[in-house]
């Protein structure tokens, strides 16, 4: 399978709009904790932050880790954690570990 088959060419403006919608959705759904996202999908808000920072660097625009996280969270990561992040359960940690193994 070619990359084109797996991911057809999407207009940059449409991709950017979809990404912004995803970020807005995740900002609204603070009940969807990162540990759960990692356990189910293998990525979380921090991954999106890293990806946007990497994509920015590839295009010649440096974006610090803190700035990238603020762009995704809509506030500093520390503030988001204080407001919304609970203590991870052993079950959540195991799901995340299992999910990460699938990504390897």
PDB file of N, CA and C in Angstrom:
ATOM      1  N   UNK A   1       0.840  -1.190   0.000  1.00  0.00           N
ATOM      2  CA  UNK A   1       0.000   0.000   0.000  1.00  0.00           C
ATOM      3  C   UNK A   1       0.876   1.240   0.000  1.00  0.00           C
ATOM      4  N   UNK A   2       0.523   2.185  -0.787  1.00  0.00           N
ATOM      5  CA  UNK A   2       1.277   3.434  -0.805  1.00  0.00           C
ATOM      6  C   UNK A   2       0.740   4.373   0.257  1.00  0.00           C
ATOM      7  N   UNK A   3       1.542   5.378   0.569  1.00  0.00           N
ATOM      8  CA  UNK A   3       1.086   6.389   1.527  1.00  0.00           C
ATOM      9  C   UNK A   3      -0.172   7.077   1.024  1.00  0.00           C
ATOM     10  N   UNK A   4      -0.276   7.228  -0.311  1.00  0.00           N
ATOM     11  CA  UNK A   4      -1.446   7.867  -0.926  1.00  0.00           C
ATOM     12  C   UNK A   4      -2.711   7.061  -0.632  1.00  0.00           C
ATOM     13  N   UNK A   5      -2.598   5.725  -0.638  1.00  0.00           N
ATOM     14  CA  UNK A   5      -3.742   4.868  -0.350  1.00  0.00           C
ATOM     15  C   UNK A   5      -4.126   4.961   1.118  1.00  0.00           C
ATOM     16  N   UNK A   6      -3.131   4.969   1.969  1.00  0.00           N
ATOM     17  CA  UNK A   6      -3.381   5.029   3.400  1.00  0.00           C
ATOM     18  C   UNK A   6      -3.904   6.406   3.793  1.00  0.00           C
ATOM     19  N   UNK A   7      -3.268   7.442   3.281  1.00  0.00           N
ATOM     20  CA  UNK A   7      -3.636   8.824   3.609  1.00  0.00           C
ATOM     21  C   UNK A   7      -3.718   9.614   2.311  1.00  0.00           C
ATOM     22  N   UNK A   8      -4.914   9.710   1.737  1.00  0.00           N
ATOM     23  CA  UNK A   8      -5.026  10.449   0.484  1.00  0.00           C
ATOM     24  C   UNK A   8      -4.623  11.905   0.683  1.00  0.00           C
ATOM     25  N   UNK A   9      -4.213  12.516  -0.393  1.00  0.00           N
ATOM     26  CA  UNK A   9      -3.806  13.911  -0.333  1.00  0.00           C
ATOM     27  C   UNK A   9      -4.976  14.765   0.140  1.00  0.00           C
ATOM     28  N   UNK A  10      -4.760  15.468   1.221  1.00  0.00           N
ATOM     29  CA  UNK A  10      -5.780  16.354   1.786  1.00  0.00           C
ATOM     30  C   UNK A  10      -5.263  17.770   1.678  1.00  0.00           C
ATOM     31  N   UNK A  11      -6.107  18.657   1.236  1.00  0.00           N
ATOM     32  CA  UNK A  11      -5.763  20.069   1.127  1.00  0.00           C
ATOM     33  C   UNK A  11      -5.276  20.578   2.481  1.00  0.00           C
ATOM     34  N   UNK A  12      -4.186  21.338   2.475  1.00  0.00           N
ATOM     35  CA  UNK A  12      -3.609  21.840   3.729  1.00  0.00           C
ATOM     36  C   UNK A  12      -4.605  22.663   4.540  1.00  0.00           C
ATOM     37  N   UNK A  13      -5.410  23.458   3.863  1.00  0.00           N
ATOM     38  CA  UNK A  13      -6.383  24.286   4.581  1.00  0.00           C
ATOM     39  C   UNK A  13      -7.439  23.414   5.258  1.00  0.00           C
ATOM     40  N   UNK A  14      -7.877  22.360   4.579  1.00  0.00           N
ATOM     41  CA  UNK A  14      -8.865  21.453   5.169  1.00  0.00           C
ATOM     42  C   UNK A  14      -8.248  20.693   6.344  1.00  0.00           C
ATOM     43  N   UNK A  15      -7.012  20.247   6.179  1.00  0.00           N
ATOM     44  CA  UNK A  15      -6.335  19.539   7.268  1.00  0.00           C
ATOM     45  C   UNK A  15      -6.154  20.456   8.469  1.00  0.00           C
ATOM     46  N   UNK A  16      -5.776  21.688   8.231  1.00  0.00           N
ATOM     47  CA  UNK A  16      -5.598  22.649   9.322  1.00  0.00           C
ATOM     48  C   UNK A  16      -6.927  22.915  10.031  1.00  0.00           C
ATOM     49  N   UNK A  17      -7.999  23.039   9.265  1.00  0.00           N
ATOM     50  CA  UNK A  17      -9.317  23.278   9.863  1.00  0.00           C
ATOM     51  C   UNK A  17      -9.748  22.079  10.712  1.00  0.00           C
ATOM     52  N   UNK A  18      -9.500  20.873  10.219  1.00  0.00           N
ATOM     53  CA  UNK A  18      -9.852  19.672  10.978  1.00  0.00           C
ATOM     54  C   UNK A  18      -9.022  19.582  12.252  1.00  0.00           C
ATOM     55  N   UNK A  19      -7.744  19.928  12.156  1.00  0.00           N
ATOM     56  CA  UNK A  19      -6.880  19.910  13.334  1.00  0.00           C
ATOM     57  C   UNK A  19      -7.371  20.913  14.369  1.00  0.00           C
ATOM     58  N   UNK A  20      -7.718  22.120  13.932  1.00  0.00           N
ATOM     59  CA  UNK A  20      -8.230  23.133  14.869  1.00  0.00           C
ATOM     60  C   UNK A  20      -9.519  22.658  15.539  1.00  0.00           C
ATOM     61  N   UNK A  21     -10.352  21.968  14.774  1.00  0.00           N
ATOM     62  CA  UNK A  21     -11.595  21.437  15.339  1.00  0.00           C
ATOM     63  C   UNK A  21     -11.293  20.359  16.378  1.00  0.00           C
ATOM     64  N   UNK A  22     -10.322  19.500  16.096  1.00  0.00           N
ATOM     65  CA  UNK A  22      -9.908  18.476  17.064  1.00  0.00           C
ATOM     66  C   UNK A  22      -9.399  19.126  18.345  1.00  0.00           C
ATOM     67  N   UNK A  23      -8.559  20.143  18.204  1.00  0.00           N
ATOM     68  CA  UNK A  23      -8.019  20.827  19.381  1.00  0.00           C
ATOM     69  C   UNK A  23      -9.150  21.472  20.184  1.00  0.00           C
ATOM     70  N   UNK A  24     -10.085  22.129  19.510  1.00  0.00           N
ATOM     71  CA  UNK A  24     -11.219  22.746  20.206  1.00  0.00           C
ATOM     72  C   UNK A  24     -12.050  21.682  20.928  1.00  0.00           C
ATOM     73  N   UNK A  25     -12.231  20.549  20.281  1.00  0.00           N
ATOM     74  CA  UNK A  25     -12.991  19.456  20.887  1.00  0.00           C
ATOM     75  C   UNK A  25     -12.295  18.951  22.145  1.00  0.00           C
ATOM     76  N   UNK A  26     -10.981  18.762  22.074  1.00  0.00           N
ATOM     77  CA  UNK A  26     -10.237  18.281  23.236  1.00  0.00           C
ATOM     78  C   UNK A  26     -10.205  19.316  24.355  1.00  0.00           C
ATOM     79  N   UNK A  27     -10.184  20.599  24.001  1.00  0.00           N
ATOM     80  CA  UNK A  27     -10.242  21.638  25.046  1.00  0.00           C
ATOM     81  C   UNK A  27     -11.580  21.585  25.761  1.00  0.00           C
ATOM     82  N   UNK A  28     -12.642  21.312  25.020  1.00  0.00           N
ATOM     83  CA  UNK A  28     -13.986  21.238  25.597  1.00  0.00           C
ATOM     84  C   UNK A  28     -14.160  19.970  26.428  1.00  0.00           C
ATOM     85  N   UNK A  29     -13.591  18.860  25.962  1.00  0.00           N
ATOM     86  CA  UNK A  29     -13.777  17.572  26.617  1.00  0.00           C
ATOM     87  C   UNK A  29     -12.671  17.312  27.630  1.00  0.00           C
ATOM     88  N   UNK A  30     -12.648  18.125  28.664  1.00  0.00           N
ATOM     89  CA  UNK A  30     -11.634  17.964  29.704  1.00  0.00           C
ATOM     90  C   UNK A  30     -11.818  16.666  30.481  1.00  0.00           C
ATOM     91  N   UNK A  31     -12.993  16.049  30.351  1.00  0.00           N
ATOM     92  CA  UNK A  31     -13.228  14.767  31.004  1.00  0.00           C
ATOM     93  C   UNK A  31     -12.490  13.628  30.309  1.00  0.00           C
ATOM     94  N   UNK A  32     -12.079  13.838  29.077  1.00  0.00           N
ATOM     95  CA  UNK A  32     -11.292  12.839  28.349  1.00  0.00           C
ATOM     96  C   UNK A  32      -9.833  13.041  28.753  1.00  0.00           C
ATOM     97  N   UNK A  33      -9.401  12.282  29.746  1.00  0.00           N
ATOM     98  CA  UNK A  33      -8.059  12.474  30.288  1.00  0.00           C
ATOM     99  C   UNK A  33      -7.010  11.900  29.339  1.00  0.00           C
ATOM    100  N   UNK A  34      -5.830  12.472  29.402  1.00  0.00           N
ATOM    101  CA  UNK A  34      -4.737  12.026  28.544  1.00  0.00           C
ATOM    102  C   UNK A  34      -4.450  10.535  28.714  1.00  0.00           C
ATOM    103  N   UNK A  35      -4.484  10.050  29.934  1.00  0.00           N
ATOM    104  CA  UNK A  35      -4.188   8.639  30.188  1.00  0.00           C
ATOM    105  C   UNK A  35      -5.197   7.747  29.469  1.00  0.00           C
ATOM    106  N   UNK A  36      -6.451   8.179  29.413  1.00  0.00           N
ATOM    107  CA  UNK A  36      -7.479   7.411  28.707  1.00  0.00           C
ATOM    108  C   UNK A  36      -7.282   7.492  27.197  1.00  0.00           C
ATOM    109  N   UNK A  37      -6.944   8.680  26.705  1.00  0.00           N
ATOM    110  CA  UNK A  37      -6.657   8.818  25.279  1.00  0.00           C
ATOM    111  C   UNK A  37      -5.491   7.928  24.869  1.00  0.00           C
ATOM    112  N   UNK A  38      -4.440   7.909  25.695  1.00  0.00           N
ATOM    113  CA  UNK A  38      -3.285   7.062  25.408  1.00  0.00           C
ATOM    114  C   UNK A  38      -3.677   5.585  25.428  1.00  0.00           C
ATOM    115  N   UNK A  39      -4.505   5.207  26.383  1.00  0.00           N
ATOM    116  CA  UNK A  39      -4.914   3.815  26.504  1.00  0.00           C
ATOM    117  C   UNK A  39      -5.777   3.337  25.355  1.00  0.00           C
ATOM    118  N   UNK A  40      -6.590   4.223  24.827  1.00  0.00           N
ATOM    119  CA  UNK A  40      -7.498   3.844  23.749  1.00  0.00           C
ATOM    120  C   UNK A  40      -6.925   4.099  22.356  1.00  0.00           C
ATOM    121  N   UNK A  41      -6.243   5.214  22.189  1.00  0.00           N
ATOM    122  CA  UNK A  41      -5.826   5.627  20.846  1.00  0.00           C
ATOM    123  C   UNK A  41      -4.311   5.681  20.645  1.00  0.00           C
ATOM    124  N   UNK A  42      -3.563   5.615  21.730  1.00  0.00           N
ATOM    125  CA  UNK A  42      -2.116   5.656  21.591  1.00  0.00           C
ATOM    126  C   UNK A  42      -1.541   7.039  21.377  1.00  0.00           C
ATOM    127  N   UNK A  43      -2.353   8.057  21.614  1.00  0.00           N
ATOM    128  CA  UNK A  43      -1.869   9.439  21.562  1.00  0.00           C
ATOM    129  C   UNK A  43      -2.725  10.278  22.497  1.00  0.00           C
ATOM    130  N   UNK A  44      -2.191  11.443  22.874  1.00  0.00           N
ATOM    131  CA  UNK A  44      -2.926  12.339  23.771  1.00  0.00           C
ATOM    132  C   UNK A  44      -2.608  13.791  23.395  1.00  0.00           C
ATOM    133  N   UNK A  45      -3.061  14.697  24.219  1.00  0.00           N
ATOM    134  CA  UNK A  45      -2.806  16.117  23.986  1.00  0.00           C
ATOM    135  C   UNK A  45      -1.306  16.418  23.942  1.00  0.00           C
ATOM    136  N   UNK A  46      -0.540  15.748  24.793  1.00  0.00           N
ATOM    137  CA  UNK A  46       0.909  15.984  24.779  1.00  0.00           C
ATOM    138  C   UNK A  46       1.523  15.532  23.465  1.00  0.00           C
ATOM    139  N   UNK A  47       1.037  14.430  22.917  1.00  0.00           N
ATOM    140  CA  UNK A  47       1.513  13.979  21.606  1.00  0.00           C
ATOM    141  C   UNK A  47       1.207  15.040  20.551  1.00  0.00           C
ATOM    142  N   UNK A  48      -0.022  15.557  20.564  1.00  0.00           N
ATOM    143  CA  UNK A  48      -0.376  16.611  19.606  1.00  0.00           C
ATOM    144  C   UNK A  48       0.541  17.817  19.775  1.00  0.00           C
ATOM    145  N   UNK A  49       0.846  18.155  21.006  1.00  0.00           N
ATOM    146  CA  UNK A  49       1.757  19.270  21.274  1.00  0.00           C
ATOM    147  C   UNK A  49       3.125  19.001  20.665  1.00  0.00           C
ATOM    148  N   UNK A  50       3.628  17.795  20.870  1.00  0.00           N
ATOM    149  CA  UNK A  50       4.929  17.430  20.294  1.00  0.00           C
ATOM    150  C   UNK A  50       4.883  17.467  18.779  1.00  0.00           C
ATOM    151  N   UNK A  51       3.815  16.953  18.207  1.00  0.00           N
ATOM    152  CA  UNK A  51       3.701  16.915  16.745  1.00  0.00           C
ATOM    153  C   UNK A  51       3.640  18.314  16.149  1.00  0.00           C
ATOM    154  N   UNK A  52       2.930  19.220  16.807  1.00  0.00           N
ATOM    155  CA  UNK A  52       2.838  20.590  16.277  1.00  0.00           C
ATOM    156  C   UNK A  52       4.181  21.296  16.420  1.00  0.00           C
ATOM    157  N   UNK A  53       4.898  21.039  17.496  1.00  0.00           N
ATOM    158  CA  UNK A  53       6.230  21.627  17.664  1.00  0.00           C
ATOM    159  C   UNK A  53       7.187  21.084  16.607  1.00  0.00           C
ATOM    160  N   UNK A  54       7.136  19.770  16.359  1.00  0.00           N
ATOM    161  CA  UNK A  54       7.996  19.163  15.339  1.00  0.00           C
ATOM    162  C   UNK A  54       7.667  19.693  13.947  1.00  0.00           C
ATOM    163  N   UNK A  55       6.379  19.789  13.633  1.00  0.00           N
ATOM    164  CA  UNK A  55       5.965  20.304  12.325  1.00  0.00           C
ATOM    165  C   UNK A  55       6.394  21.759  12.159  1.00  0.00           C
ATOM    166  N   UNK A  56       6.310  22.519  13.220  1.00  0.00           N
ATOM    167  CA  UNK A  56       6.749  23.920  13.170  1.00  0.00           C
ATOM    168  C   UNK A  56       8.245  23.998  12.915  1.00  0.00           C
ATOM    169  N   UNK A  57       9.011  23.165  13.612  1.00  0.00           N
ATOM    170  CA  UNK A  57      10.465  23.158  13.428  1.00  0.00           C
ATOM    171  C   UNK A  57      10.840  22.760  12.005  1.00  0.00           C
ATOM    172  N   UNK A  58      10.125  21.786  11.436  1.00  0.00           N
ATOM    173  CA  UNK A  58      10.382  21.364  10.062  1.00  0.00           C
ATOM    174  C   UNK A  58      10.141  22.496   9.065  1.00  0.00           C
ATOM    175  N   UNK A  59       9.311  23.445   9.446  1.00  0.00           N
ATOM    176  CA  UNK A  59       8.990  24.573   8.575  1.00  0.00           C
ATOM    177  C   UNK A  59       9.765  25.829   8.950  1.00  0.00           C
ATOM    178  N   UNK A  60      10.738  25.654   9.843  1.00  0.00           N
ATOM    179  CA  UNK A  60      11.612  26.765  10.188  1.00  0.00           C
ATOM    180  C   UNK A  60      11.108  27.691  11.266  1.00  0.00           C
ATOM    181  N   UNK A  61      10.044  27.303  11.949  1.00  0.00           N
ATOM    182  CA  UNK A  61       9.495  28.111  13.037  1.00  0.00           C
ATOM    183  C   UNK A  61       9.622  27.324  14.330  1.00  0.00           C
ATOM    184  N   UNK A  62      10.517  27.762  15.195  1.00  0.00           N
ATOM    185  CA  UNK A  62      10.694  27.062  16.470  1.00  0.00           C
ATOM    186  C   UNK A  62       9.514  27.373  17.389  1.00  0.00           C
ATOM    187  N   UNK A  63       9.017  26.350  18.027  1.00  0.00           N
ATOM    188  CA  UNK A  63       7.927  26.481  18.988  1.00  0.00           C
ATOM    189  C   UNK A  63       8.345  25.683  20.210  1.00  0.00           C
ATOM    190  N   UNK A  64       8.467  26.353  21.343  1.00  0.00           N
ATOM    191  CA  UNK A  64       8.908  25.659  22.552  1.00  0.00           C
ATOM    192  C   UNK A  64       7.865  24.631  22.982  1.00  0.00           C
ATOM    193  N   UNK A  65       8.297  23.678  23.788  1.00  0.00           N
ATOM    194  CA  UNK A  65       7.393  22.658  24.309  1.00  0.00           C
ATOM    195  C   UNK A  65       6.242  23.309  25.086  1.00  0.00           C
ATOM    196  N   UNK A  66       6.569  24.295  25.911  1.00  0.00           N
ATOM    197  CA  UNK A  66       5.530  24.984  26.694  1.00  0.00           C
ATOM    198  C   UNK A  66       4.544  25.733  25.801  1.00  0.00           C
ATOM    199  N   UNK A  67       5.060  26.399  24.764  1.00  0.00           N
ATOM    200  CA  UNK A  67       4.185  27.136  23.848  1.00  0.00           C
ATOM    201  C   UNK A  67       3.297  26.179  23.059  1.00  0.00           C
ATOM    202  N   UNK A  68       3.857  25.049  22.638  1.00  0.00           N
ATOM    203  CA  UNK A  68       3.071  24.054  21.905  1.00  0.00           C
ATOM    204  C   UNK A  68       1.966  23.484  22.784  1.00  0.00           C
ATOM    205  N   UNK A  69       2.291  23.193  24.030  1.00  0.00           N
ATOM    206  CA  UNK A  69       1.271  22.662  24.944  1.00  0.00           C
ATOM    207  C   UNK A  69       0.186  23.700  25.221  1.00  0.00           C
ATOM    208  N   UNK A  70       0.575  24.948  25.399  1.00  0.00           N
ATOM    209  CA  UNK A  70      -0.428  25.999  25.619  1.00  0.00           C
ATOM    210  C   UNK A  70      -1.341  26.132  24.400  1.00  0.00           C
ATOM    211  N   UNK A  71      -0.781  25.947  23.206  1.00  0.00           N
ATOM    212  CA  UNK A  71      -1.590  26.023  21.988  1.00  0.00           C
ATOM    213  C   UNK A  71      -2.636  24.904  21.957  1.00  0.00           C
ATOM    214  N   UNK A  72      -2.271  23.736  22.435  1.00  0.00           N
ATOM    215  CA  UNK A  72      -3.195  22.603  22.428  1.00  0.00           C
ATOM    216  C   UNK A  72      -4.166  22.657  23.610  1.00  0.00           C
ATOM    217  N   UNK A  73      -3.661  22.964  24.794  1.00  0.00           N
ATOM    218  CA  UNK A  73      -4.499  22.954  25.995  1.00  0.00           C
ATOM    219  C   UNK A  73      -5.340  24.228  26.167  1.00  0.00           C
ATOM    220  N   UNK A  74      -4.928  25.315  25.547  1.00  0.00           N
ATOM    221  CA  UNK A  74      -5.635  26.578  25.744  1.00  0.00           C
ATOM    222  C   UNK A  74      -5.245  27.269  27.037  1.00  0.00           C
ATOM    223  N   UNK A  75      -4.221  26.744  27.689  1.00  0.00           N
ATOM    224  CA  UNK A  75      -3.682  27.278  28.942  1.00  0.00           C
ATOM    225  C   UNK A  75      -2.370  26.552  29.178  1.00  0.00           C
ATOM    226  N   UNK A  76      -1.650  26.934  30.200  1.00  0.00           N
ATOM    227  CA  UNK A  76      -0.405  26.216  30.474  1.00  0.00           C
ATOM    228  C   UNK A  76      -0.737  24.773  30.866  1.00  0.00           C
ATOM    229  N   UNK A  77       0.205  23.884  30.582  1.00  0.00           N
ATOM    230  CA  UNK A  77       0.008  22.478  30.924  1.00  0.00           C
ATOM    231  C   UNK A  77      -0.170  22.313  32.429  1.00  0.00           C
ATOM    232  N   UNK A  78       0.605  23.037  33.225  1.00  0.00           N
ATOM    233  CA  UNK A  78       0.478  22.960  34.672  1.00  0.00           C
ATOM    234  C   UNK A  78      -0.901  23.355  35.149  1.00  0.00           C
ATOM    235  N   UNK A  79      -1.444  24.427  34.570  1.00  0.00           N
ATOM    236  CA  UNK A  79      -2.785  24.872  34.947  1.00  0.00           C
ATOM    237  C   UNK A  79      -3.820  23.812  34.576  1.00  0.00           C
ATOM    238  N   UNK A  80      -3.685  23.231  33.381  1.00  0.00           N
ATOM    239  CA  UNK A  80      -4.630  22.198  32.953  1.00  0.00           C
ATOM    240  C   UNK A  80      -4.576  21.000  33.898  1.00  0.00           C
ATOM    241  N   UNK A  81      -3.360  20.572  34.241  1.00  0.00           N
ATOM    242  CA  UNK A  81      -3.206  19.434  35.151  1.00  0.00           C
ATOM    243  C   UNK A  81      -3.871  19.727  36.494  1.00  0.00           C
ATOM    244  N   UNK A  82      -3.645  20.926  37.020  1.00  0.00           N
ATOM    245  CA  UNK A  82      -4.233  21.292  38.308  1.00  0.00           C
ATOM    246  C   UNK A  82      -5.757  21.282  38.258  1.00  0.00           C
ATOM    247  N   UNK A  83      -6.314  21.735  37.142  1.00  0.00           N
ATOM    248  CA  UNK A  83      -7.772  21.828  37.020  1.00  0.00           C
ATOM    249  C   UNK A  83      -8.442  20.490  36.702  1.00  0.00           C
ATOM    250  N   UNK A  84      -7.829  19.702  35.816  1.00  0.00           N
ATOM    251  CA  UNK A  84      -8.571  18.586  35.222  1.00  0.00           C
ATOM    252  C   UNK A  84      -7.959  17.202  35.377  1.00  0.00           C
ATOM    253  N   UNK A  85      -6.694  17.082  35.660  1.00  0.00           N
ATOM    254  CA  UNK A  85      -6.066  15.765  35.650  1.00  0.00           C
ATOM    255  C   UNK A  85      -6.170  15.090  37.000  1.00  0.00           C
ATOM    256  N   UNK A  86      -6.735  13.901  36.999  1.00  0.00           N
ATOM    257  CA  UNK A  86      -6.833  13.111  38.216  1.00  0.00           C
ATOM    258  C   UNK A  86      -5.670  12.145  38.330  1.00  0.00           C
ATOM    259  N   UNK A  87      -5.647  11.422  39.418  1.00  0.00           N
ATOM    260  CA  UNK A  87      -4.622  10.403  39.639  1.00  0.00           C
ATOM    261  C   UNK A  87      -4.940   9.193  38.758  1.00  0.00           C
ATOM    262  N   UNK A  88      -3.952   8.693  38.050  1.00  0.00           N
ATOM    263  CA  UNK A  88      -4.146   7.530  37.182  1.00  0.00           C
ATOM    264  C   UNK A  88      -4.339   6.276  38.014  1.00  0.00           C
ATOM    265  N   UNK A  89      -5.288   5.463  37.583  1.00  0.00           N
ATOM    266  CA  UNK A  89      -5.526   4.187  38.254  1.00  0.00           C
ATOM    267  C   UNK A  89      -4.576   3.127  37.669  1.00  0.00           C
ATOM    268  N   UNK A  90      -4.378   2.042  38.396  1.00  0.00           N
ATOM    269  CA  UNK A  90      -3.555   0.958  37.846  1.00  0.00           C
ATOM    270  C   UNK A  90      -4.099   0.430  36.507  1.00  0.00           C
ATOM    271  N   UNK A  91      -5.426   0.390  36.372  1.00  0.00           N
ATOM    272  CA  UNK A  91      -6.039  -0.073  35.128  1.00  0.00           C
ATOM    273  C   UNK A  91      -5.727   0.879  33.968  1.00  0.00           C
ATOM    274  N   UNK A  92      -5.806   2.182  34.214  1.00  0.00           N
ATOM    275  CA  UNK A  92      -5.476   3.165  33.180  1.00  0.00           C
ATOM    276  C   UNK A  92      -4.017   3.038  32.760  1.00  0.00           C
ATOM    277  N   UNK A  93      -3.148   2.883  33.726  1.00  0.00           N
ATOM    278  CA  UNK A  93      -1.724   2.747  33.421  1.00  0.00           C
ATOM    279  C   UNK A  93      -1.452   1.491  32.598  1.00  0.00           C
ATOM    280  N   UNK A  94      -2.132   0.403  32.900  1.00  0.00           N
ATOM    281  CA  UNK A  94      -1.939  -0.838  32.144  1.00  0.00           C
ATOM    282  C   UNK A  94      -2.457  -0.693  30.713  1.00  0.00           C
ATOM    283  N   UNK A  95      -3.642  -0.058  30.542  1.00  0.00           N
ATOM    284  CA  UNK A  95      -4.171   0.166  29.189  1.00  0.00           C
ATOM    285  C   UNK A  95      -3.215   1.009  28.374  1.00  0.00           C
ATOM    286  N   UNK A  96      -2.634   2.046  28.998  1.00  0.00           N
ATOM    287  CA  UNK A  96      -1.687   2.891  28.291  1.00  0.00           C
ATOM    288  C   UNK A  96      -0.455   2.074  27.892  1.00  0.00           C
ATOM    289  N   UNK A  97       0.060   1.271  28.814  1.00  0.00           N
ATOM    290  CA  UNK A  97       1.228   0.438  28.522  1.00  0.00           C
ATOM    291  C   UNK A  97       0.926  -0.507  27.361  1.00  0.00           C
ATOM    292  N   UNK A  98      -0.242  -1.135  27.382  1.00  0.00           N
ATOM    293  CA  UNK A  98      -0.621  -2.050  26.311  1.00  0.00           C
ATOM    294  C   UNK A  98      -0.770  -1.308  24.978  1.00  0.00           C
ATOM    295  N   UNK A  99      -1.351  -0.137  25.025  1.00  0.00           N
ATOM    296  CA  UNK A  99      -1.527   0.666  23.814  1.00  0.00           C
ATOM    297  C   UNK A  99      -0.199   1.105  23.229  1.00  0.00           C
ATOM    298  N   UNK A 100       0.716   1.527  24.082  1.00  0.00           N
ATOM    299  CA  UNK A 100       2.035   1.945  23.605  1.00  0.00           C
ATOM    300  C   UNK A 100       2.787   0.792  22.970  1.00  0.00           C
ATOM    301  N   UNK A 101       2.577  -0.417  23.473  1.00  0.00           N
ATOM    302  CA  UNK A 101       3.220  -1.587  22.882  1.00  0.00           C
ATOM    303  C   UNK A 101       2.722  -1.808  21.450  1.00  0.00           C
ATOM    304  N   UNK A 102       1.469  -1.474  21.183  1.00  0.00           N
ATOM    305  CA  UNK A 102       0.906  -1.600  19.829  1.00  0.00           C
ATOM    306  C   UNK A 102       1.532  -0.584  18.884  1.00  0.00           C
ATOM    307  N   UNK A 103       1.945   0.569  19.417  1.00  0.00           N
ATOM    308  CA  UNK A 103       2.548   1.621  18.590  1.00  0.00           C
ATOM    309  C   UNK A 103       3.983   1.311  18.215  1.00  0.00           C
ATOM    310  N   UNK A 104       4.622   0.425  18.960  1.00  0.00           N
ATOM    311  CA  UNK A 104       6.042   0.139  18.750  1.00  0.00           C
ATOM    312  C   UNK A 104       6.297  -0.650  17.482  1.00  0.00           C
TER     313      UNK A 104
END
